[in-house]
Amino acid sequence: CYLLDIGCGTGLSGDYLSEEGHYWVGIDISPAMLDAA
């Protein structure tokens, strides 16, 4: 499935979604968090 991760931060939750076979888009207000992702 194609999922949205709100407040995705460094992508930890997104990594779990990927491991479960899903595709995702993450949105976050912090540039530092997204750089870490």
Full PDB file with SEQRES, HELIX, SHEET, SSBOND, CRYST1, ORIGX, SCALE, CONECT and MASTER records, all heavy atoms in Angstrom:
SEQRES   1 A   37  CYS TYR LEU LEU ASP ILE GLY CYS GLY THR GLY LEU SER          
SEQRES   2 A   37  GLY ASP TYR LEU SER GLU GLU GLY HIS TYR TRP VAL GLY          
SEQRES   3 A   37  ILE ASP ILE SER PRO ALA MET LEU ASP ALA ALA                  
HELIX    1 AA1 LEU A   12  GLU A   19  1                                   8    
HELIX    2 AA2 PRO A   31  ALA A   36  1                                   6    
SHEET    1 AA1 2 TYR A   2  ILE A   6  0                                        
SHEET    2 AA1 2 TYR A  23  ILE A  27  1                                        
CRYST1    1.000    1.000    1.000  90.00  90.00  90.00 P 1           1          
ORIGX1      1.000000  0.000000  0.000000        0.00000                         
ORIGX2      0.000000  1.000000  0.000000        0.00000                         
ORIGX3      0.000000  0.000000  1.000000        0.00000                         
SCALE1      1.000000  0.000000  0.000000        0.00000                         
SCALE2      0.000000  1.000000  0.000000        0.00000                         
SCALE3      0.000000  0.000000  1.000000        0.00000                         
ATOM      1  N   CYS A   1       0.843  -1.196   0.000  1.00  0.00           N  
ATOM      2  CA  CYS A   1       0.000   0.000   0.000  1.00  0.00           C  
ATOM      3  C   CYS A   1       0.877   1.245   0.000  1.00  0.00           C  
ATOM      4  O   CYS A   1       2.068   1.199   0.327  1.00  0.00           O  
ATOM      5  CB  CYS A   1      -0.913   0.006   1.228  1.00  0.00           C  
ATOM      6  SG  CYS A   1      -2.152  -1.319   1.226  1.00  0.00           S  
ATOM      7  N   TYR A   2       0.269   2.355  -0.377  1.00  0.00           N  
ATOM      8  CA  TYR A   2       0.962   3.643  -0.425  1.00  0.00           C  
ATOM      9  C   TYR A   2       0.511   4.449   0.780  1.00  0.00           C  
ATOM     10  O   TYR A   2      -0.654   4.845   0.875  1.00  0.00           O  
ATOM     11  CB  TYR A   2       0.616   4.360  -1.726  1.00  0.00           C  
ATOM     12  CG  TYR A   2       1.509   5.530  -2.061  1.00  0.00           C  
ATOM     13  CD1 TYR A   2       2.893   5.408  -2.015  1.00  0.00           C  
ATOM     14  CD2 TYR A   2       0.967   6.756  -2.447  1.00  0.00           C  
ATOM     15  CE1 TYR A   2       3.708   6.469  -2.335  1.00  0.00           C  
ATOM     16  CE2 TYR A   2       1.776   7.821  -2.779  1.00  0.00           C  
ATOM     17  CZ  TYR A   2       3.155   7.674  -2.722  1.00  0.00           C  
ATOM     18  OH  TYR A   2       3.963   8.736  -3.045  1.00  0.00           O  
ATOM     19  N   LEU A   3       1.439   4.682   1.723  1.00  0.00           N  
ATOM     20  CA  LEU A   3       1.083   5.234   3.016  1.00  0.00           C  
ATOM     21  C   LEU A   3       1.754   6.585   3.255  1.00  0.00           C  
ATOM     22  O   LEU A   3       2.800   6.890   2.687  1.00  0.00           O  
ATOM     23  CB  LEU A   3       1.485   4.266   4.133  1.00  0.00           C  
ATOM     24  CG  LEU A   3       0.926   2.843   4.011  1.00  0.00           C  
ATOM     25  CD1 LEU A   3       1.482   1.967   5.125  1.00  0.00           C  
ATOM     26  CD2 LEU A   3      -0.597   2.850   4.042  1.00  0.00           C  
ATOM     27  N   LEU A   4       1.148   7.375   4.126  1.00  0.00           N  
ATOM     28  CA  LEU A   4       1.673   8.669   4.538  1.00  0.00           C  
ATOM     29  C   LEU A   4       2.124   8.575   5.986  1.00  0.00           C  
ATOM     30  O   LEU A   4       1.396   8.082   6.843  1.00  0.00           O  
ATOM     31  CB  LEU A   4       0.590   9.743   4.391  1.00  0.00           C  
ATOM     32  CG  LEU A   4       0.940  11.160   4.844  1.00  0.00           C  
ATOM     33  CD1 LEU A   4       2.069  11.737   3.989  1.00  0.00           C  
ATOM     34  CD2 LEU A   4      -0.301  12.064   4.758  1.00  0.00           C  
ATOM     35  N   ASP A   5       3.341   9.049   6.255  1.00  0.00           N  
ATOM     36  CA  ASP A   5       3.890   9.085   7.609  1.00  0.00           C  
ATOM     37  C   ASP A   5       4.049  10.548   8.015  1.00  0.00           C  
ATOM     38  O   ASP A   5       4.916  11.255   7.495  1.00  0.00           O  
ATOM     39  CB  ASP A   5       5.238   8.364   7.653  1.00  0.00           C  
ATOM     40  CG  ASP A   5       5.830   8.307   9.062  1.00  0.00           C  
ATOM     41  OD1 ASP A   5       5.156   8.769  10.007  1.00  0.00           O  
ATOM     42  OD2 ASP A   5       6.964   7.808   9.213  1.00  0.00           O  
ATOM     43  N   ILE A   6       3.197  11.011   8.921  1.00  0.00           N  
ATOM     44  CA  ILE A   6       3.192  12.407   9.333  1.00  0.00           C  
ATOM     45  C   ILE A   6       4.081  12.591  10.557  1.00  0.00           C  
ATOM     46  O   ILE A   6       3.933  11.883  11.545  1.00  0.00           O  
ATOM     47  CB  ILE A   6       1.757  12.873   9.641  1.00  0.00           C  
ATOM     48  CG1 ILE A   6       0.931  12.838   8.354  1.00  0.00           C  
ATOM     49  CG2 ILE A   6       1.750  14.275  10.238  1.00  0.00           C  
ATOM     50  CD1 ILE A   6      -0.527  13.093   8.562  1.00  0.00           C  
ATOM     51  N   GLY A   7       4.997  13.559  10.472  1.00  0.00           N  
ATOM     52  CA  GLY A   7       5.987  13.721  11.522  1.00  0.00           C  
ATOM     53  C   GLY A   7       7.000  12.592  11.460  1.00  0.00           C  
ATOM     54  O   GLY A   7       7.333  11.993  12.479  1.00  0.00           O  
ATOM     55  N   CYS A   8       7.500  12.309  10.248  1.00  0.00           N  
ATOM     56  CA  CYS A   8       8.305  11.106  10.016  1.00  0.00           C  
ATOM     57  C   CYS A   8       9.673  11.160  10.684  1.00  0.00           C  
ATOM     58  O   CYS A   8      10.303  10.122  10.895  1.00  0.00           O  
ATOM     59  CB  CYS A   8       8.482  10.874   8.522  1.00  0.00           C  
ATOM     60  SG  CYS A   8       9.380  12.203   7.664  1.00  0.00           S  
ATOM     61  N   GLY A   9      10.158  12.355  11.048  1.00  0.00           N  
ATOM     62  CA  GLY A   9      11.449  12.461  11.719  1.00  0.00           C  
ATOM     63  C   GLY A   9      12.584  11.879  10.900  1.00  0.00           C  
ATOM     64  O   GLY A   9      12.737  12.181   9.713  1.00  0.00           O  
ATOM     65  N   THR A  10      13.369  11.009  11.505  1.00  0.00           N  
ATOM     66  CA  THR A  10      14.526  10.410  10.839  1.00  0.00           C  
ATOM     67  C   THR A  10      14.165   9.161  10.034  1.00  0.00           C  
ATOM     68  O   THR A  10      15.057   8.486   9.520  1.00  0.00           O  
ATOM     69  CB  THR A  10      15.610  10.053  11.863  1.00  0.00           C  
ATOM     70  OG1 THR A  10      15.077   9.117  12.805  1.00  0.00           O  
ATOM     71  CG2 THR A  10      16.079  11.295  12.608  1.00  0.00           C  
ATOM     72  N   GLY A  11      12.888   8.836   9.943  1.00  0.00           N  
ATOM     73  CA  GLY A  11      12.459   7.727   9.097  1.00  0.00           C  
ATOM     74  C   GLY A  11      12.401   6.376   9.770  1.00  0.00           C  
ATOM     75  O   GLY A  11      12.309   5.353   9.089  1.00  0.00           O  
ATOM     76  N   LEU A  12      12.411   6.342  11.106  1.00  0.00           N  
ATOM     77  CA  LEU A  12      12.367   5.050  11.798  1.00  0.00           C  
ATOM     78  C   LEU A  12      11.060   4.318  11.542  1.00  0.00           C  
ATOM     79  O   LEU A  12      11.048   3.111  11.276  1.00  0.00           O  
ATOM     80  CB  LEU A  12      12.580   5.252  13.300  1.00  0.00           C  
ATOM     81  CG  LEU A  12      13.963   5.769  13.730  1.00  0.00           C  
ATOM     82  CD1 LEU A  12      13.982   6.029  15.233  1.00  0.00           C  
ATOM     83  CD2 LEU A  12      15.042   4.759  13.360  1.00  0.00           C  
ATOM     84  N   SER A  13       9.940   5.039  11.631  1.00  0.00           N  
ATOM     85  CA  SER A  13       8.647   4.415  11.369  1.00  0.00           C  
ATOM     86  C   SER A  13       8.550   3.991   9.906  1.00  0.00           C  
ATOM     87  O   SER A  13       8.015   2.930   9.581  1.00  0.00           O  
ATOM     88  CB  SER A  13       7.513   5.392  11.703  1.00  0.00           C  
ATOM     89  OG  SER A  13       7.551   5.771  13.051  1.00  0.00           O  
ATOM     90  N   GLY A  14       9.087   4.838   9.026  1.00  0.00           N  
ATOM     91  CA  GLY A  14       9.074   4.504   7.607  1.00  0.00           C  
ATOM     92  C   GLY A  14       9.871   3.258   7.294  1.00  0.00           C  
ATOM     93  O   GLY A  14       9.491   2.471   6.414  1.00  0.00           O  
ATOM     94  N   ASP A  15      10.974   3.059   8.003  1.00  0.00           N  
ATOM     95  CA  ASP A  15      11.762   1.837   7.801  1.00  0.00           C  
ATOM     96  C   ASP A  15      10.918   0.602   8.089  1.00  0.00           C  
ATOM     97  O   ASP A  15      11.008  -0.408   7.379  1.00  0.00           O  
ATOM     98  CB  ASP A  15      12.990   1.835   8.707  1.00  0.00           C  
ATOM     99  CG  ASP A  15      14.071   2.780   8.205  1.00  0.00           C  
ATOM    100  OD1 ASP A  15      13.973   3.256   7.062  1.00  0.00           O  
ATOM    101  OD2 ASP A  15      15.021   3.048   8.976  1.00  0.00           O  
ATOM    102  N   TYR A  16      10.096   0.679   9.130  1.00  0.00           N  
ATOM    103  CA  TYR A  16       9.224  -0.449   9.451  1.00  0.00           C  
ATOM    104  C   TYR A  16       8.202  -0.672   8.332  1.00  0.00           C  
ATOM    105  O   TYR A  16       7.931  -1.816   7.951  1.00  0.00           O  
ATOM    106  CB  TYR A  16       8.508  -0.221  10.775  1.00  0.00           C  
ATOM    107  CG  TYR A  16       7.648  -1.383  11.197  1.00  0.00           C  
ATOM    108  CD1 TYR A  16       8.191  -2.457  11.883  1.00  0.00           C  
ATOM    109  CD2 TYR A  16       6.288  -1.419  10.878  1.00  0.00           C  
ATOM    110  CE1 TYR A  16       7.410  -3.546  12.240  1.00  0.00           C  
ATOM    111  CE2 TYR A  16       5.505  -2.496  11.234  1.00  0.00           C  
ATOM    112  CZ  TYR A  16       6.066  -3.561  11.919  1.00  0.00           C  
ATOM    113  OH  TYR A  16       5.282  -4.635  12.265  1.00  0.00           O  
ATOM    114  N   LEU A  17       7.650   0.419   7.808  1.00  0.00           N  
ATOM    115  CA  LEU A  17       6.692   0.292   6.700  1.00  0.00           C  
ATOM    116  C   LEU A  17       7.347  -0.371   5.494  1.00  0.00           C  
ATOM    117  O   LEU A  17       6.742  -1.220   4.833  1.00  0.00           O  
ATOM    118  CB  LEU A  17       6.149   1.669   6.311  1.00  0.00           C  
ATOM    119  CG  LEU A  17       5.377   2.436   7.391  1.00  0.00           C  
ATOM    120  CD1 LEU A  17       4.913   3.786   6.845  1.00  0.00           C  
ATOM    121  CD2 LEU A  17       4.179   1.632   7.892  1.00  0.00           C  
ATOM    122  N   SER A  18       8.588   0.012   5.207  1.00  0.00           N  
ATOM    123  CA  SER A  18       9.307  -0.587   4.084  1.00  0.00           C  
ATOM    124  C   SER A  18       9.545  -2.071   4.314  1.00  0.00           C  
ATOM    125  O   SER A  18       9.384  -2.891   3.405  1.00  0.00           O  
ATOM    126  CB  SER A  18      10.648   0.130   3.872  1.00  0.00           C  
ATOM    127  OG  SER A  18      10.461   1.474   3.503  1.00  0.00           O  
ATOM    128  N   GLU A  19       9.918  -2.425   5.533  1.00  0.00           N  
ATOM    129  CA  GLU A  19      10.168  -3.834   5.849  1.00  0.00           C  
ATOM    130  C   GLU A  19       8.904  -4.670   5.715  1.00  0.00           C  
ATOM    131  O   GLU A  19       8.970  -5.868   5.429  1.00  0.00           O  
ATOM    132  CB  GLU A  19      10.739  -3.954   7.259  1.00  0.00           C  
ATOM    133  CG  GLU A  19      12.153  -3.415   7.391  1.00  0.00           C  
ATOM    134  CD  GLU A  19      12.665  -3.465   8.813  1.00  0.00           C  
ATOM    135  OE1 GLU A  19      11.904  -3.949   9.684  1.00  0.00           O  
ATOM    136  OE2 GLU A  19      13.805  -3.034   9.049  1.00  0.00           O  
ATOM    137  N   GLU A  20       7.752  -4.029   5.915  1.00  0.00           N  
ATOM    138  CA  GLU A  20       6.485  -4.743   5.765  1.00  0.00           C  
ATOM    139  C   GLU A  20       5.980  -4.742   4.324  1.00  0.00           C  
ATOM    140  O   GLU A  20       4.880  -5.202   4.039  1.00  0.00           O  
ATOM    141  CB  GLU A  20       5.428  -4.119   6.683  1.00  0.00           C  
ATOM    142  CG  GLU A  20       5.674  -4.365   8.165  1.00  0.00           C  
ATOM    143  CD  GLU A  20       5.617  -5.842   8.510  1.00  0.00           C  
ATOM    144  OE1 GLU A  20       4.602  -6.500   8.202  1.00  0.00           O  
ATOM    145  OE2 GLU A  20       6.602  -6.355   9.079  1.00  0.00           O  
ATOM    146  N   GLY A  21       6.783  -4.199   3.408  1.00  0.00           N  
ATOM    147  CA  GLY A  21       6.449  -4.278   1.996  1.00  0.00           C  
ATOM    148  C   GLY A  21       5.637  -3.117   1.445  1.00  0.00           C  
ATOM    149  O   GLY A  21       5.114  -3.202   0.336  1.00  0.00           O  
ATOM    150  N   HIS A  22       5.524  -2.021   2.202  1.00  0.00           N  
ATOM    151  CA  HIS A  22       4.716  -0.884   1.760  1.00  0.00           C  
ATOM    152  C   HIS A  22       5.598   0.252   1.244  1.00  0.00           C  
ATOM    153  O   HIS A  22       6.793   0.330   1.551  1.00  0.00           O  
ATOM    154  CB  HIS A  22       3.853  -0.370   2.917  1.00  0.00           C  
ATOM    155  CG  HIS A  22       2.910  -1.396   3.467  1.00  0.00           C  
ATOM    156  ND1 HIS A  22       1.878  -1.935   2.742  1.00  0.00           N  
ATOM    157  CD2 HIS A  22       2.879  -2.008   4.685  1.00  0.00           C  
ATOM    158  CE1 HIS A  22       1.220  -2.813   3.477  1.00  0.00           C  
ATOM    159  NE2 HIS A  22       1.818  -2.891   4.656  1.00  0.00           N  
ATOM    160  N   TYR A  23       4.991   1.115   0.439  1.00  0.00           N  
ATOM    161  CA  TYR A  23       5.643   2.326  -0.030  1.00  0.00           C  
ATOM    162  C   TYR A  23       5.100   3.498   0.774  1.00  0.00           C  
ATOM    163  O   TYR A  23       3.942   3.501   1.173  1.00  0.00           O  
ATOM    164  CB  TYR A  23       5.382   2.529  -1.527  1.00  0.00           C  
ATOM    165  CG  TYR A  23       5.782   1.334  -2.360  1.00  0.00           C  
ATOM    166  CD1 TYR A  23       4.821   0.482  -2.920  1.00  0.00           C  
ATOM    167  CD2 TYR A  23       7.124   1.038  -2.581  1.00  0.00           C  
ATOM    168  CE1 TYR A  23       5.186  -0.614  -3.668  1.00  0.00           C  
ATOM    169  CE2 TYR A  23       7.502  -0.063  -3.330  1.00  0.00           C  
ATOM    170  CZ  TYR A  23       6.525  -0.889  -3.867  1.00  0.00           C  
ATOM    171  OH  TYR A  23       6.902  -1.981  -4.604  1.00  0.00           O  
ATOM    172  N   TRP A  24       5.918   4.525   0.985  1.00  0.00           N  
ATOM    173  CA  TRP A  24       5.469   5.593   1.871  1.00  0.00           C  
ATOM    174  C   TRP A  24       6.115   6.926   1.524  1.00  0.00           C  
ATOM    175  O   TRP A  24       7.166   6.995   0.889  1.00  0.00           O  
ATOM    176  CB  TRP A  24       5.773   5.238   3.328  1.00  0.00           C  
ATOM    177  CG  TRP A  24       7.221   5.002   3.636  1.00  0.00           C  
ATOM    178  CD1 TRP A  24       7.929   3.848   3.421  1.00  0.00           C  
ATOM    179  CD2 TRP A  24       8.142   5.944   4.201  1.00  0.00           C  
ATOM    180  NE1 TRP A  24       9.226   3.997   3.829  1.00  0.00           N  
ATOM    181  CE2 TRP A  24       9.397   5.274   4.313  1.00  0.00           C  
ATOM    182  CE3 TRP A  24       8.037   7.252   4.644  1.00  0.00           C  
ATOM    183  CZ2 TRP A  24      10.530   5.892   4.830  1.00  0.00           C  
ATOM    184  CZ3 TRP A  24       9.163   7.876   5.168  1.00  0.00           C  
ATOM    185  CH2 TRP A  24      10.388   7.210   5.249  1.00  0.00           C  
ATOM    186  N   VAL A  25       5.442   7.973   1.970  1.00  0.00           N  
ATOM    187  CA  VAL A  25       5.942   9.341   1.891  1.00  0.00           C  
ATOM    188  C   VAL A  25       5.923   9.917   3.302  1.00  0.00           C  
ATOM    189  O   VAL A  25       4.936   9.756   4.033  1.00  0.00           O  
ATOM    190  CB  VAL A  25       5.067  10.212   0.967  1.00  0.00           C  
ATOM    191  CG1 VAL A  25       5.528  11.666   1.003  1.00  0.00           C  
ATOM    192  CG2 VAL A  25       5.100   9.680  -0.457  1.00  0.00           C  
ATOM    193  N   GLY A  26       7.002  10.558   3.700  1.00  0.00           N  
ATOM    194  CA  GLY A  26       7.082  11.150   5.020  1.00  0.00           C  
ATOM    195  C   GLY A  26       7.125  12.665   4.954  1.00  0.00           C  
ATOM    196  O   GLY A  26       7.765  13.242   4.072  1.00  0.00           O  
ATOM    197  N   ILE A  27       6.419  13.320   5.865  1.00  0.00           N  
ATOM    198  CA  ILE A  27       6.430  14.783   5.958  1.00  0.00           C  
ATOM    199  C   ILE A  27       6.847  15.181   7.367  1.00  0.00           C  
ATOM    200  O   ILE A  27       6.405  14.583   8.345  1.00  0.00           O  
ATOM    201  CB  ILE A  27       5.048  15.377   5.590  1.00  0.00           C  
ATOM    202  CG1 ILE A  27       5.081  16.909   5.664  1.00  0.00           C  
ATOM    203  CG2 ILE A  27       3.941  14.820   6.477  1.00  0.00           C  
ATOM    204  CD1 ILE A  27       3.809  17.554   5.125  1.00  0.00           C  
ATOM    205  N   ASP A  28       7.747  16.176   7.453  1.00  0.00           N  
ATOM    206  CA  ASP A  28       8.215  16.640   8.753  1.00  0.00           C  
ATOM    207  C   ASP A  28       8.590  18.110   8.652  1.00  0.00           C  
ATOM    208  O   ASP A  28       9.005  18.585   7.591  1.00  0.00           O  
ATOM    209  CB  ASP A  28       9.422  15.817   9.223  1.00  0.00           C  
ATOM    210  CG  ASP A  28       9.621  15.896  10.731  1.00  0.00           C  
ATOM    211  OD1 ASP A  28      10.149  16.908  11.215  1.00  0.00           O  
ATOM    212  OD2 ASP A  28       9.211  14.944  11.424  1.00  0.00           O  
ATOM    213  N   ILE A  29       8.470  18.824   9.779  1.00  0.00           N  
ATOM    214  CA  ILE A  29       8.740  20.262   9.806  1.00  0.00           C  
ATOM    215  C   ILE A  29      10.213  20.563  10.047  1.00  0.00           C  
ATOM    216  O   ILE A  29      10.658  21.700   9.873  1.00  0.00           O  
ATOM    217  CB  ILE A  29       7.864  20.938  10.885  1.00  0.00           C  
ATOM    218  CG1 ILE A  29       7.807  22.452  10.667  1.00  0.00           C  
ATOM    219  CG2 ILE A  29       8.373  20.590  12.278  1.00  0.00           C  
ATOM    220  CD1 ILE A  29       6.822  23.155  11.579  1.00  0.00           C  
ATOM    221  N   SER A  30      10.980  19.550  10.437  1.00  0.00           N  
ATOM    222  CA  SER A  30      12.375  19.752  10.822  1.00  0.00           C  
ATOM    223  C   SER A  30      13.338  19.375   9.694  1.00  0.00           C  
ATOM    224  O   SER A  30      13.446  18.189   9.345  1.00  0.00           O  
ATOM    225  CB  SER A  30      12.709  18.919  12.065  1.00  0.00           C  
ATOM    226  OG  SER A  30      14.097  18.927  12.313  1.00  0.00           O  
ATOM    227  N   PRO A  31      14.067  20.348   9.129  1.00  0.00           N  
ATOM    228  CA  PRO A  31      15.072  20.017   8.106  1.00  0.00           C  
ATOM    229  C   PRO A  31      16.167  19.097   8.646  1.00  0.00           C  
ATOM    230  O   PRO A  31      16.651  18.224   7.922  1.00  0.00           O  
ATOM    231  CB  PRO A  31      15.646  21.387   7.712  1.00  0.00           C  
ATOM    232  CG  PRO A  31      14.606  22.383   8.112  1.00  0.00           C  
ATOM    233  CD  PRO A  31      13.957  21.808   9.328  1.00  0.00           C  
ATOM    234  N   ALA A  32      16.548  19.283   9.915  1.00  0.00           N  
ATOM    235  CA  ALA A  32      17.599  18.447  10.497  1.00  0.00           C  
ATOM    236  C   ALA A  32      17.174  16.985  10.557  1.00  0.00           C  
ATOM    237  O   ALA A  32      17.973  16.074  10.280  1.00  0.00           O  
ATOM    238  CB  ALA A  32      17.961  18.959  11.890  1.00  0.00           C  
ATOM    239  N   MET A  33      15.918  16.748  10.929  1.00  0.00           N  
ATOM    240  CA  MET A  33      15.407  15.380  10.981  1.00  0.00           C  
ATOM    241  C   MET A  33      15.407  14.742   9.595  1.00  0.00           C  
ATOM    242  O   MET A  33      15.788  13.573   9.427  1.00  0.00           O  
ATOM    243  CB  MET A  33      13.995  15.369  11.568  1.00  0.00           C  
ATOM    244  CG  MET A  33      13.932  15.649  13.050  1.00  0.00           C  
ATOM    245  SD  MET A  33      14.541  14.249  14.017  1.00  0.00           S  
ATOM    246  CE  MET A  33      14.006  14.739  15.654  1.00  0.00           C  
ATOM    247  N   LEU A  34      14.978  15.501   8.593  1.00  0.00           N  
ATOM    248  CA  LEU A  34      14.927  14.959   7.236  1.00  0.00           C  
ATOM    249  C   LEU A  34      16.334  14.711   6.688  1.00  0.00           C  
ATOM    250  O   LEU A  34      16.553  13.745   5.954  1.00  0.00           O  
ATOM    251  CB  LEU A  34      14.156  15.919   6.328  1.00  0.00           C  
ATOM    252  CG  LEU A  34      12.674  16.103   6.665  1.00  0.00           C  
ATOM    253  CD1 LEU A  34      12.022  17.092   5.717  1.00  0.00           C  
ATOM    254  CD2 LEU A  34      11.924  14.771   6.637  1.00  0.00           C  
ATOM    255  N   ASP A  35      17.285  15.579   7.041  1.00  0.00           N  
ATOM    256  CA  ASP A  35      18.672  15.341   6.634  1.00  0.00           C  
ATOM    257  C   ASP A  35      19.192  14.044   7.242  1.00  0.00           C  
ATOM    258  O   ASP A  35      19.900  13.273   6.582  1.00  0.00           O  
ATOM    259  CB  ASP A  35      19.555  16.509   7.081  1.00  0.00           C  
ATOM    260  CG  ASP A  35      19.352  17.756   6.233  1.00  0.00           C  
ATOM    261  OD1 ASP A  35      18.799  17.625   5.122  1.00  0.00           O  
ATOM    262  OD2 ASP A  35      19.726  18.859   6.684  1.00  0.00           O  
ATOM    263  N   ALA A  36      18.828  13.798   8.509  1.00  0.00           N  
ATOM    264  CA  ALA A  36      19.240  12.547   9.153  1.00  0.00           C  
ATOM    265  C   ALA A  36      18.608  11.345   8.468  1.00  0.00           C  
ATOM    266  O   ALA A  36      19.239  10.293   8.323  1.00  0.00           O  
ATOM    267  CB  ALA A  36      18.860  12.575  10.633  1.00  0.00           C  
ATOM    268  N   ALA A  37      17.350  11.499   8.036  1.00  0.00           N  
ATOM    269  CA  ALA A  37      16.683  10.416   7.308  1.00  0.00           C  
ATOM    270  C   ALA A  37      17.394  10.127   5.987  1.00  0.00           C  
ATOM    271  O   ALA A  37      17.559   8.967   5.587  1.00  0.00           O  
ATOM    272  CB  ALA A  37      15.221  10.776   7.068  1.00  0.00           C  
TER     273      ALA A  37                                                      
MASTER        0    0    0    2    2    0    0    6  272    1    0    3          
END                                                                             
